[in-house]
mmCIF file of all heavy atoms, coordinates in Angstrom:
data_MODEL
# 
_entry.id   MODEL 
# 
loop_
_atom_site.group_PDB 
_atom_site.id 
_atom_site.type_symbol 
_atom_site.label_atom_id 
_atom_site.label_alt_id 
_atom_site.label_comp_id 
_atom_site.label_asym_id 
_atom_site.label_entity_id 
_atom_site.label_seq_id 
_atom_site.pdbx_PDB_ins_code 
_atom_site.Cartn_x 
_atom_site.Cartn_y 
_atom_site.Cartn_z 
_atom_site.occupancy 
_atom_site.B_iso_or_equiv 
_atom_site.pdbx_formal_charge 
_atom_site.auth_seq_id 
_atom_site.auth_comp_id 
_atom_site.auth_asym_id 
_atom_site.auth_atom_id 
_atom_site.pdbx_PDB_model_num 
ATOM 1   N N   . GLU A 1 1  ? 211.896 63.912 -105.708 1.00 0.00 ? 1  GLU A N   1 
ATOM 2   C CA  . GLU A 1 1  ? 212.172 65.113 -106.549 1.00 0.00 ? 1  GLU A CA  1 
ATOM 3   C C   . GLU A 1 1  ? 212.774 64.654 -107.876 1.00 0.00 ? 1  GLU A C   1 
ATOM 4   O O   . GLU A 1 1  ? 212.399 65.195 -108.941 1.00 0.00 ? 1  GLU A O   1 
ATOM 5   C CB  . GLU A 1 1  ? 213.176 66.022 -105.851 1.00 0.00 ? 1  GLU A CB  1 
ATOM 6   C CG  . GLU A 1 1  ? 212.575 66.728 -104.637 1.00 0.00 ? 1  GLU A CG  1 
ATOM 7   C CD  . GLU A 1 1  ? 211.788 67.979 -104.971 1.00 0.00 ? 1  GLU A CD  1 
ATOM 8   O OE1 . GLU A 1 1  ? 212.135 68.623 -105.933 1.00 0.00 ? 1  GLU A OE1 1 
ATOM 9   O OE2 . GLU A 1 1  ? 210.839 68.241 -104.222 1.00 0.00 ? 1  GLU A OE2 1 
ATOM 10  N N   . LEU A 1 2  ? 213.772 63.774 -107.832 1.00 0.00 ? 2  LEU A N   1 
ATOM 11  C CA  . LEU A 1 2  ? 214.307 63.262 -109.103 1.00 0.00 ? 2  LEU A CA  1 
ATOM 12  C C   . LEU A 1 2  ? 213.332 62.778 -110.080 1.00 0.00 ? 2  LEU A C   1 
ATOM 13  O O   . LEU A 1 2  ? 213.371 63.096 -111.263 1.00 0.00 ? 2  LEU A O   1 
ATOM 14  C CB  . LEU A 1 2  ? 215.362 62.213 -108.788 1.00 0.00 ? 2  LEU A CB  1 
ATOM 15  C CG  . LEU A 1 2  ? 216.781 62.583 -108.312 1.00 0.00 ? 2  LEU A CG  1 
ATOM 16  C CD1 . LEU A 1 2  ? 217.499 61.340 -107.955 1.00 0.00 ? 2  LEU A CD1 1 
ATOM 17  C CD2 . LEU A 1 2  ? 217.484 63.392 -109.386 1.00 0.00 ? 2  LEU A CD2 1 
ATOM 18  N N   . TYR A 1 3  ? 212.412 61.971 -109.561 1.00 0.00 ? 3  TYR A N   1 
ATOM 19  C CA  . TYR A 1 3  ? 211.479 61.295 -110.448 1.00 0.00 ? 3  TYR A CA  1 
ATOM 20  C C   . TYR A 1 3  ? 210.163 62.003 -110.642 1.00 0.00 ? 3  TYR A C   1 
ATOM 21  O O   . TYR A 1 3  ? 209.256 61.496 -111.239 1.00 0.00 ? 3  TYR A O   1 
ATOM 22  C CB  . TYR A 1 3  ? 211.252 59.861 -110.008 1.00 0.00 ? 3  TYR A CB  1 
ATOM 23  C CG  . TYR A 1 3  ? 212.468 59.035 -110.320 1.00 0.00 ? 3  TYR A CG  1 
ATOM 24  C CD1 . TYR A 1 3  ? 213.447 58.805 -109.355 1.00 0.00 ? 3  TYR A CD1 1 
ATOM 25  C CD2 . TYR A 1 3  ? 212.755 58.546 -111.596 1.00 0.00 ? 3  TYR A CD2 1 
ATOM 26  C CE1 . TYR A 1 3  ? 214.622 58.145 -109.630 1.00 0.00 ? 3  TYR A CE1 1 
ATOM 27  C CE2 . TYR A 1 3  ? 213.915 57.867 -111.877 1.00 0.00 ? 3  TYR A CE2 1 
ATOM 28  C CZ  . TYR A 1 3  ? 214.863 57.670 -110.911 1.00 0.00 ? 3  TYR A CZ  1 
ATOM 29  O OH  . TYR A 1 3  ? 216.009 56.953 -111.222 1.00 0.00 ? 3  TYR A OH  1 
ATOM 30  N N   . SER A 1 4  ? 210.123 63.267 -110.207 1.00 0.00 ? 4  SER A N   1 
ATOM 31  C CA  . SER A 1 4  ? 208.975 64.088 -110.501 1.00 0.00 ? 4  SER A CA  1 
ATOM 32  C C   . SER A 1 4  ? 209.318 65.124 -111.552 1.00 0.00 ? 4  SER A C   1 
ATOM 33  O O   . SER A 1 4  ? 208.576 65.980 -112.007 1.00 0.00 ? 4  SER A O   1 
ATOM 34  C CB  . SER A 1 4  ? 208.373 64.763 -109.238 1.00 0.00 ? 4  SER A CB  1 
ATOM 35  O OG  . SER A 1 4  ? 209.326 65.664 -108.728 1.00 0.00 ? 4  SER A OG  1 
ATOM 36  N N   . SER A 1 5  ? 210.593 65.117 -112.010 1.00 0.00 ? 5  SER A N   1 
ATOM 37  C CA  . SER A 1 5  ? 211.086 66.011 -113.016 1.00 0.00 ? 5  SER A CA  1 
ATOM 38  C C   . SER A 1 5  ? 210.371 65.683 -114.365 1.00 0.00 ? 5  SER A C   1 
ATOM 39  O O   . SER A 1 5  ? 210.016 64.596 -114.631 1.00 0.00 ? 5  SER A O   1 
ATOM 40  C CB  . SER A 1 5  ? 212.589 65.846 -113.193 1.00 0.00 ? 5  SER A CB  1 
ATOM 41  O OG  . SER A 1 5  ? 213.311 66.162 -112.027 1.00 0.00 ? 5  SER A OG  1 
ATOM 42  N N   . PRO A 1 6  ? 210.278 66.709 -115.246 1.00 0.00 ? 6  PRO A N   1 
ATOM 43  C CA  . PRO A 1 6  ? 209.628 66.430 -116.519 1.00 0.00 ? 6  PRO A CA  1 
ATOM 44  C C   . PRO A 1 6  ? 210.277 65.324 -117.287 1.00 0.00 ? 6  PRO A C   1 
ATOM 45  O O   . PRO A 1 6  ? 211.557 65.212 -117.382 1.00 0.00 ? 6  PRO A O   1 
ATOM 46  C CB  . PRO A 1 6  ? 209.843 67.766 -117.249 1.00 0.00 ? 6  PRO A CB  1 
ATOM 47  C CG  . PRO A 1 6  ? 210.030 68.801 -116.191 1.00 0.00 ? 6  PRO A CG  1 
ATOM 48  C CD  . PRO A 1 6  ? 210.707 68.093 -115.053 1.00 0.00 ? 6  PRO A CD  1 
ATOM 49  N N   . GLY A 1 7  ? 209.437 64.434 -117.787 1.00 0.00 ? 7  GLY A N   1 
ATOM 50  C CA  . GLY A 1 7  ? 209.891 63.259 -118.505 1.00 0.00 ? 7  GLY A CA  1 
ATOM 51  C C   . GLY A 1 7  ? 210.155 62.072 -117.665 1.00 0.00 ? 7  GLY A C   1 
ATOM 52  O O   . GLY A 1 7  ? 210.349 60.910 -118.179 1.00 0.00 ? 7  GLY A O   1 
ATOM 53  N N   . LEU A 1 8  ? 210.142 62.164 -116.323 1.00 0.00 ? 8  LEU A N   1 
ATOM 54  C CA  . LEU A 1 8  ? 210.472 61.037 -115.426 1.00 0.00 ? 8  LEU A CA  1 
ATOM 55  C C   . LEU A 1 8  ? 209.253 60.591 -114.594 1.00 0.00 ? 8  LEU A C   1 
ATOM 56  O O   . LEU A 1 8  ? 209.396 59.745 -113.808 1.00 0.00 ? 8  LEU A O   1 
ATOM 57  C CB  . LEU A 1 8  ? 211.630 61.406 -114.535 1.00 0.00 ? 8  LEU A CB  1 
ATOM 58  C CG  . LEU A 1 8  ? 212.961 61.725 -115.234 1.00 0.00 ? 8  LEU A CG  1 
ATOM 59  C CD1 . LEU A 1 8  ? 213.975 62.182 -114.247 1.00 0.00 ? 8  LEU A CD1 1 
ATOM 60  C CD2 . LEU A 1 8  ? 213.418 60.549 -116.067 1.00 0.00 ? 8  LEU A CD2 1 
ATOM 61  N N   . GLU A 1 9  ? 208.083 61.292 -114.819 1.00 0.00 ? 9  GLU A N   1 
ATOM 62  C CA  . GLU A 1 9  ? 206.889 61.043 -113.964 1.00 0.00 ? 9  GLU A CA  1 
ATOM 63  C C   . GLU A 1 9  ? 206.393 59.578 -114.124 1.00 0.00 ? 9  GLU A C   1 
ATOM 64  O O   . GLU A 1 9  ? 205.695 59.126 -113.220 1.00 0.00 ? 9  GLU A O   1 
ATOM 65  C CB  . GLU A 1 9  ? 205.774 62.027 -114.287 1.00 0.00 ? 9  GLU A CB  1 
ATOM 66  C CG  . GLU A 1 9  ? 206.160 63.450 -114.326 1.00 0.00 ? 9  GLU A CG  1 
ATOM 67  C CD  . GLU A 1 9  ? 206.558 63.933 -115.686 1.00 0.00 ? 9  GLU A CD  1 
ATOM 68  O OE1 . GLU A 1 9  ? 206.963 63.153 -116.609 1.00 0.00 ? 9  GLU A OE1 1 
ATOM 69  O OE2 . GLU A 1 9  ? 206.528 65.150 -115.936 1.00 0.00 ? 9  GLU A OE2 1 
ATOM 70  N N   . GLN A 1 10 ? 206.681 58.979 -115.170 1.00 0.00 ? 10 GLN A N   1 
ATOM 71  C CA  . GLN A 1 10 ? 206.184 57.552 -115.399 1.00 0.00 ? 10 GLN A CA  1 
ATOM 72  C C   . GLN A 1 10 ? 206.975 56.469 -114.677 1.00 0.00 ? 10 GLN A C   1 
ATOM 73  O O   . GLN A 1 10 ? 206.627 55.287 -114.706 1.00 0.00 ? 10 GLN A O   1 
ATOM 74  C CB  . GLN A 1 10 ? 206.116 57.236 -116.880 1.00 0.00 ? 10 GLN A CB  1 
ATOM 75  C CG  . GLN A 1 10 ? 205.208 58.173 -117.679 1.00 0.00 ? 10 GLN A CG  1 
ATOM 76  C CD  . GLN A 1 10 ? 203.738 58.086 -117.219 1.00 0.00 ? 10 GLN A CD  1 
ATOM 77  O OE1 . GLN A 1 10 ? 203.265 56.996 -116.952 1.00 0.00 ? 10 GLN A OE1 1 
ATOM 78  N NE2 . GLN A 1 10 ? 203.158 59.271 -116.981 1.00 0.00 ? 10 GLN A NE2 1 
ATOM 79  N N   . TYR A 1 11 ? 208.099 56.897 -114.057 1.00 0.00 ? 11 TYR A N   1 
ATOM 80  C CA  . TYR A 1 11 ? 208.956 55.919 -113.318 1.00 0.00 ? 11 TYR A CA  1 
ATOM 81  C C   . TYR A 1 11 ? 208.343 55.655 -111.998 1.00 0.00 ? 11 TYR A C   1 
ATOM 82  O O   . TYR A 1 11 ? 207.911 56.584 -111.262 1.00 0.00 ? 11 TYR A O   1 
ATOM 83  C CB  . TYR A 1 11 ? 210.365 56.440 -113.166 1.00 0.00 ? 11 TYR A CB  1 
ATOM 84  C CG  . TYR A 1 11 ? 211.182 56.338 -114.412 1.00 0.00 ? 11 TYR A CG  1 
ATOM 85  C CD1 . TYR A 1 11 ? 211.039 57.262 -115.483 1.00 0.00 ? 11 TYR A CD1 1 
ATOM 86  C CD2 . TYR A 1 11 ? 212.074 55.263 -114.564 1.00 0.00 ? 11 TYR A CD2 1 
ATOM 87  C CE1 . TYR A 1 11 ? 211.727 57.134 -116.638 1.00 0.00 ? 11 TYR A CE1 1 
ATOM 88  C CE2 . TYR A 1 11 ? 212.824 55.157 -115.755 1.00 0.00 ? 11 TYR A CE2 1 
ATOM 89  C CZ  . TYR A 1 11 ? 212.667 56.111 -116.789 1.00 0.00 ? 11 TYR A CZ  1 
ATOM 90  O OH  . TYR A 1 11 ? 213.381 55.999 -117.899 1.00 0.00 ? 11 TYR A OH  1 
ATOM 91  N N   . CYS A 1 12 ? 208.299 54.372 -111.576 1.00 0.00 ? 12 CYS A N   1 
ATOM 92  C CA  . CYS A 1 12 ? 207.770 53.983 -110.309 1.00 0.00 ? 12 CYS A CA  1 
ATOM 93  C C   . CYS A 1 12 ? 208.822 53.211 -109.466 1.00 0.00 ? 12 CYS A C   1 
ATOM 94  O O   . CYS A 1 12 ? 209.618 52.504 -110.062 1.00 0.00 ? 12 CYS A O   1 
ATOM 95  C CB  . CYS A 1 12 ? 206.537 53.026 -110.473 1.00 0.00 ? 12 CYS A CB  1 
ATOM 96  S SG  . CYS A 1 12 ? 205.283 53.825 -111.380 1.00 0.00 ? 12 CYS A SG  1 
ATOM 97  N N   . PRO A 1 13 ? 208.777 53.387 -108.130 1.00 0.00 ? 13 PRO A N   1 
ATOM 98  C CA  . PRO A 1 13 ? 209.774 52.687 -107.364 1.00 0.00 ? 13 PRO A CA  1 
ATOM 99  C C   . PRO A 1 13 ? 209.414 51.203 -107.174 1.00 0.00 ? 13 PRO A C   1 
ATOM 100 O O   . PRO A 1 13 ? 208.294 50.817 -107.103 1.00 0.00 ? 13 PRO A O   1 
ATOM 101 C CB  . PRO A 1 13 ? 209.679 53.384 -106.008 1.00 0.00 ? 13 PRO A CB  1 
ATOM 102 C CG  . PRO A 1 13 ? 208.271 53.884 -105.967 1.00 0.00 ? 13 PRO A CG  1 
ATOM 103 C CD  . PRO A 1 13 ? 207.882 54.261 -107.355 1.00 0.00 ? 13 PRO A CD  1 
ATOM 104 N N   . GLU A 1 14 ? 210.473 50.416 -107.227 1.00 0.00 ? 14 GLU A N   1 
ATOM 105 C CA  . GLU A 1 14 ? 210.292 48.946 -106.897 1.00 0.00 ? 14 GLU A CA  1 
ATOM 106 C C   . GLU A 1 14 ? 211.469 48.510 -106.097 1.00 0.00 ? 14 GLU A C   1 
ATOM 107 O O   . GLU A 1 14 ? 212.594 49.057 -106.221 1.00 0.00 ? 14 GLU A O   1 
ATOM 108 C CB  . GLU A 1 14 ? 210.122 48.047 -108.144 1.00 0.00 ? 14 GLU A CB  1 
ATOM 109 C CG  . GLU A 1 14 ? 210.658 48.488 -109.428 1.00 0.00 ? 14 GLU A CG  1 
ATOM 110 C CD  . GLU A 1 14 ? 210.326 47.441 -110.514 1.00 0.00 ? 14 GLU A CD  1 
ATOM 111 O OE1 . GLU A 1 14 ? 210.597 46.239 -110.354 1.00 0.00 ? 14 GLU A OE1 1 
ATOM 112 O OE2 . GLU A 1 14 ? 209.964 47.884 -111.528 1.00 0.00 ? 14 GLU A OE2 1 
ATOM 113 N N   . ALA A 1 15 ? 211.322 47.502 -105.239 1.00 0.00 ? 15 ALA A N   1 
ATOM 114 C CA  . ALA A 1 15 ? 212.383 46.954 -104.433 1.00 0.00 ? 15 ALA A CA  1 
ATOM 115 C C   . ALA A 1 15 ? 213.158 45.995 -105.248 1.00 0.00 ? 15 ALA A C   1 
ATOM 116 O O   . ALA A 1 15 ? 212.610 45.172 -105.999 1.00 0.00 ? 15 ALA A O   1 
ATOM 117 C CB  . ALA A 1 15 ? 211.760 46.277 -103.234 1.00 0.00 ? 15 ALA A CB  1 
ATOM 118 N N   . VAL A 1 16 ? 214.516 46.048 -105.159 1.00 0.00 ? 16 VAL A N   1 
ATOM 119 C CA  . VAL A 1 16 ? 215.411 45.116 -105.806 1.00 0.00 ? 16 VAL A CA  1 
ATOM 120 C C   . VAL A 1 16 ? 216.484 44.668 -104.801 1.00 0.00 ? 16 VAL A C   1 
ATOM 121 O O   . VAL A 1 16 ? 216.700 45.355 -103.813 1.00 0.00 ? 16 VAL A O   1 
ATOM 122 C CB  . VAL A 1 16 ? 216.097 45.702 -107.055 1.00 0.00 ? 16 VAL A CB  1 
ATOM 123 C CG1 . VAL A 1 16 ? 215.071 45.990 -108.151 1.00 0.00 ? 16 VAL A CG1 1 
ATOM 124 C CG2 . VAL A 1 16 ? 216.884 46.938 -106.726 1.00 0.00 ? 16 VAL A CG2 1 
ATOM 125 N N   . ILE A 1 17 ? 217.063 43.520 -105.127 1.00 0.00 ? 17 ILE A N   1 
ATOM 126 C CA  . ILE A 1 17 ? 218.262 43.102 -104.364 1.00 0.00 ? 17 ILE A CA  1 
ATOM 127 C C   . ILE A 1 17 ? 219.497 43.438 -105.212 1.00 0.00 ? 17 ILE A C   1 
ATOM 128 O O   . ILE A 1 17 ? 219.551 42.928 -106.398 1.00 0.00 ? 17 ILE A O   1 
ATOM 129 C CB  . ILE A 1 17 ? 218.220 41.604 -104.039 1.00 0.00 ? 17 ILE A CB  1 
ATOM 130 C CG1 . ILE A 1 17 ? 216.999 41.252 -103.195 1.00 0.00 ? 17 ILE A CG1 1 
ATOM 131 C CG2 . ILE A 1 17 ? 219.493 41.139 -103.360 1.00 0.00 ? 17 ILE A CG2 1 
ATOM 132 C CD1 . ILE A 1 17 ? 216.965 41.938 -101.869 1.00 0.00 ? 17 ILE A CD1 1 
ATOM 133 N N   . VAL A 1 18 ? 220.353 44.236 -104.694 1.00 0.00 ? 18 VAL A N   1 
ATOM 134 C CA  . VAL A 1 18 ? 221.573 44.623 -105.400 1.00 0.00 ? 18 VAL A CA  1 
ATOM 135 C C   . VAL A 1 18 ? 222.743 43.812 -104.823 1.00 0.00 ? 18 VAL A C   1 
ATOM 136 O O   . VAL A 1 18 ? 222.876 43.702 -103.679 1.00 0.00 ? 18 VAL A O   1 
ATOM 137 C CB  . VAL A 1 18 ? 221.817 46.149 -105.208 1.00 0.00 ? 18 VAL A CB  1 
ATOM 138 C CG1 . VAL A 1 18 ? 223.115 46.573 -106.002 1.00 0.00 ? 18 VAL A CG1 1 
ATOM 139 C CG2 . VAL A 1 18 ? 220.652 46.947 -105.711 1.00 0.00 ? 18 VAL A CG2 1 
ATOM 140 N N   . HIS A 1 19 ? 223.550 43.250 -105.739 1.00 0.00 ? 19 HIS A N   1 
ATOM 141 C CA  . HIS A 1 19 ? 224.769 42.546 -105.387 1.00 0.00 ? 19 HIS A CA  1 
ATOM 142 C C   . HIS A 1 19 ? 225.890 43.574 -105.598 1.00 0.00 ? 19 HIS A C   1 
ATOM 143 O O   . HIS A 1 19 ? 226.176 43.907 -106.708 1.00 0.00 ? 19 HIS A O   1 
ATOM 144 C CB  . HIS A 1 19 ? 224.862 41.307 -106.233 1.00 0.00 ? 19 HIS A CB  1 
ATOM 145 C CG  . HIS A 1 19 ? 223.709 40.394 -106.107 1.00 0.00 ? 19 HIS A CG  1 
ATOM 146 N ND1 . HIS A 1 19 ? 223.703 39.423 -105.145 1.00 0.00 ? 19 HIS A ND1 1 
ATOM 147 C CD2 . HIS A 1 19 ? 222.594 40.233 -106.805 1.00 0.00 ? 19 HIS A CD2 1 
ATOM 148 C CE1 . HIS A 1 19 ? 222.573 38.767 -105.238 1.00 0.00 ? 19 HIS A CE1 1 
ATOM 149 N NE2 . HIS A 1 19 ? 221.813 39.263 -106.220 1.00 0.00 ? 19 HIS A NE2 1 
ATOM 150 N N   . LEU A 1 20 ? 226.486 44.005 -104.502 1.00 0.00 ? 20 LEU A N   1 
ATOM 151 C CA  . LEU A 1 20 ? 227.604 44.898 -104.587 1.00 0.00 ? 20 LEU A CA  1 
ATOM 152 C C   . LEU A 1 20 ? 228.802 44.131 -105.220 1.00 0.00 ? 20 LEU A C   1 
ATOM 153 O O   . LEU A 1 20 ? 228.953 42.973 -104.886 1.00 0.00 ? 20 LEU A O   1 
ATOM 154 C CB  . LEU A 1 20 ? 227.915 45.518 -103.247 1.00 0.00 ? 20 LEU A CB  1 
ATOM 155 C CG  . LEU A 1 20 ? 226.819 46.312 -102.569 1.00 0.00 ? 20 LEU A CG  1 
ATOM 156 C CD1 . LEU A 1 20 ? 227.286 46.868 -101.253 1.00 0.00 ? 20 LEU A CD1 1 
ATOM 157 C CD2 . LEU A 1 20 ? 226.342 47.422 -103.447 1.00 0.00 ? 20 LEU A CD2 1 
ATOM 158 N N   . LEU A 1 21 ? 229.600 44.890 -105.890 1.00 0.00 ? 21 LEU A N   1 
ATOM 159 C CA  . LEU A 1 21 ? 230.817 44.234 -106.486 1.00 0.00 ? 21 LEU A CA  1 
ATOM 160 C C   . LEU A 1 21 ? 231.775 43.730 -105.420 1.00 0.00 ? 21 LEU A C   1 
ATOM 161 O O   . LEU A 1 21 ? 232.572 42.808 -105.644 1.00 0.00 ? 21 LEU A O   1 
ATOM 162 C CB  . LEU A 1 21 ? 231.498 45.080 -107.516 1.00 0.00 ? 21 LEU A CB  1 
ATOM 163 C CG  . LEU A 1 21 ? 230.687 45.520 -108.725 1.00 0.00 ? 21 LEU A CG  1 
ATOM 164 C CD1 . LEU A 1 21 ? 231.536 46.352 -109.649 1.00 0.00 ? 21 LEU A CD1 1 
ATOM 165 C CD2 . LEU A 1 21 ? 230.055 44.353 -109.390 1.00 0.00 ? 21 LEU A CD2 1 
ATOM 166 N N   . GLU A 1 22 ? 231.633 44.302 -104.220 1.00 0.00 ? 22 GLU A N   1 
ATOM 167 C CA  . GLU A 1 22 ? 232.455 43.832 -103.107 1.00 0.00 ? 22 GLU A CA  1 
ATOM 168 C C   . GLU A 1 22 ? 231.931 42.525 -102.493 1.00 0.00 ? 22 GLU A C   1 
ATOM 169 O O   . GLU A 1 22 ? 232.606 41.900 -101.678 1.00 0.00 ? 22 GLU A O   1 
ATOM 170 C CB  . GLU A 1 22 ? 232.465 44.948 -101.948 1.00 0.00 ? 22 GLU A CB  1 
ATOM 171 C CG  . GLU A 1 22 ? 233.039 46.195 -102.420 1.00 0.00 ? 22 GLU A CG  1 
ATOM 172 C CD  . GLU A 1 22 ? 232.814 47.331 -101.390 1.00 0.00 ? 22 GLU A CD  1 
ATOM 173 O OE1 . GLU A 1 22 ? 231.974 47.082 -100.461 1.00 0.00 ? 22 GLU A OE1 1 
ATOM 174 O OE2 . GLU A 1 22 ? 233.434 48.394 -101.512 1.00 0.00 ? 22 GLU A OE2 1 
ATOM 175 N N   . GLY A 1 23 ? 230.793 42.046 -102.882 1.00 0.00 ? 23 GLY A N   1 
ATOM 176 C CA  . GLY A 1 23 ? 230.221 40.803 -102.463 1.00 0.00 ? 23 GLY A CA  1 
ATOM 177 C C   . GLY A 1 23 ? 228.985 40.832 -101.644 1.00 0.00 ? 23 GLY A C   1 
ATOM 178 O O   . GLY A 1 23 ? 228.256 39.839 -101.647 1.00 0.00 ? 23 GLY A O   1 
ATOM 179 N N   . GLU A 1 24 ? 228.657 41.902 -100.967 1.00 0.00 ? 24 GLU A N   1 
ATOM 180 C CA  . GLU A 1 24 ? 227.493 41.966 -100.144 1.00 0.00 ? 24 GLU A CA  1 
ATOM 181 C C   . GLU A 1 24 ? 226.191 42.140 -101.034 1.00 0.00 ? 24 GLU A C   1 
ATOM 182 O O   . GLU A 1 24 ? 226.285 42.753 -102.115 1.00 0.00 ? 24 GLU A O   1 
ATOM 183 C CB  . GLU A 1 24 ? 227.606 43.199 -99.253  1.00 0.00 ? 24 GLU A CB  1 
ATOM 184 C CG  . GLU A 1 24 ? 226.447 43.478 -98.268  1.00 0.00 ? 24 GLU A CG  1 
ATOM 185 C CD  . GLU A 1 24 ? 226.680 44.765 -97.504  1.00 0.00 ? 24 GLU A CD  1 
ATOM 186 O OE1 . GLU A 1 24 ? 227.687 45.442 -97.625  1.00 0.00 ? 24 GLU A OE1 1 
ATOM 187 O OE2 . GLU A 1 24 ? 225.711 45.085 -96.827  1.00 0.00 ? 24 GLU A OE2 1 
ATOM 188 N N   . ALA A 1 25 ? 225.098 41.618 -100.550 1.00 0.00 ? 25 ALA A N   1 
ATOM 189 C CA  . ALA A 1 25 ? 223.813 41.877 -101.176 1.00 0.00 ? 25 ALA A CA  1 
ATOM 190 C C   . ALA A 1 25 ? 222.954 42.718 -100.212 1.00 0.00 ? 25 ALA A C   1 
ATOM 191 O O   . ALA A 1 25 ? 223.001 42.534 -99.029  1.00 0.00 ? 25 ALA A O   1 
ATOM 192 C CB  . ALA A 1 25 ? 223.110 40.564 -101.511 1.00 0.00 ? 25 ALA A CB  1 
ATOM 193 N N   . LEU A 1 26 ? 222.188 43.662 -100.834 1.00 0.00 ? 26 LEU A N   1 
ATOM 194 C CA  . LEU A 1 26 ? 221.350 44.537 -100.020 1.00 0.00 ? 26 LEU A CA  1 
ATOM 195 C C   . LEU A 1 26 ? 220.084 44.932 -100.762 1.00 0.00 ? 26 LEU A C   1 
ATOM 196 O O   . LEU A 1 26 ? 220.115 45.014 -102.008 1.00 0.00 ? 26 LEU A O   1 
ATOM 197 C CB  . LEU A 1 26 ? 222.117 45.753 -99.515  1.00 0.00 ? 26 LEU A CB  1 
ATOM 198 C CG  . LEU A 1 26 ? 222.836 46.594 -100.573 1.00 0.00 ? 26 LEU A CG  1 
ATOM 199 C CD1 . LEU A 1 26 ? 221.881 47.624 -101.087 1.00 0.00 ? 26 LEU A CD1 1 
ATOM 200 C CD2 . LEU A 1 26 ? 224.033 47.242 -99.907  1.00 0.00 ? 26 LEU A CD2 1 
ATOM 201 N N   . PRO A 1 27 ? 219.049 45.299 -100.055 1.00 0.00 ? 27 PRO A N   1 
ATOM 202 C CA  . PRO A 1 27 ? 217.821 45.779 -100.719 1.00 0.00 ? 27 PRO A CA  1 
ATOM 203 C C   . PRO A 1 27 ? 217.951 47.265 -101.041 1.00 0.00 ? 27 PRO A C   1 
ATOM 204 O O   . PRO A 1 27 ? 218.680 47.950 -100.393 1.00 0.00 ? 27 PRO A O   1 
ATOM 205 C CB  . PRO A 1 27 ? 216.704 45.579 -99.617  1.00 0.00 ? 27 PRO A CB  1 
ATOM 206 C CG  . PRO A 1 27 ? 217.437 45.657 -98.351  1.00 0.00 ? 27 PRO A CG  1 
ATOM 207 C CD  . PRO A 1 27 ? 218.794 45.110 -98.599  1.00 0.00 ? 27 PRO A CD  1 
ATOM 208 N N   . ALA A 1 28 ? 217.380 47.650 -102.159 1.00 0.00 ? 28 ALA A N   1 
ATOM 209 C CA  . ALA A 1 28 ? 217.399 49.033 -102.559 1.00 0.00 ? 28 ALA A CA  1 
ATOM 210 C C   . ALA A 1 28 ? 216.144 49.338 -103.360 1.00 0.00 ? 28 ALA A C   1 
ATOM 211 O O   . ALA A 1 28 ? 215.479 48.499 -103.867 1.00 0.00 ? 28 ALA A O   1 
ATOM 212 C CB  . ALA A 1 28 ? 218.643 49.266 -103.417 1.00 0.00 ? 28 ALA A CB  1 
# 
């Protein structure tokens, strides 16, 4: 819903690895 809003339709999902500031890494 967020990325089907007007002006955001060109955004595509991709997987990333996020490093939390607490130290853990996780996929998102």
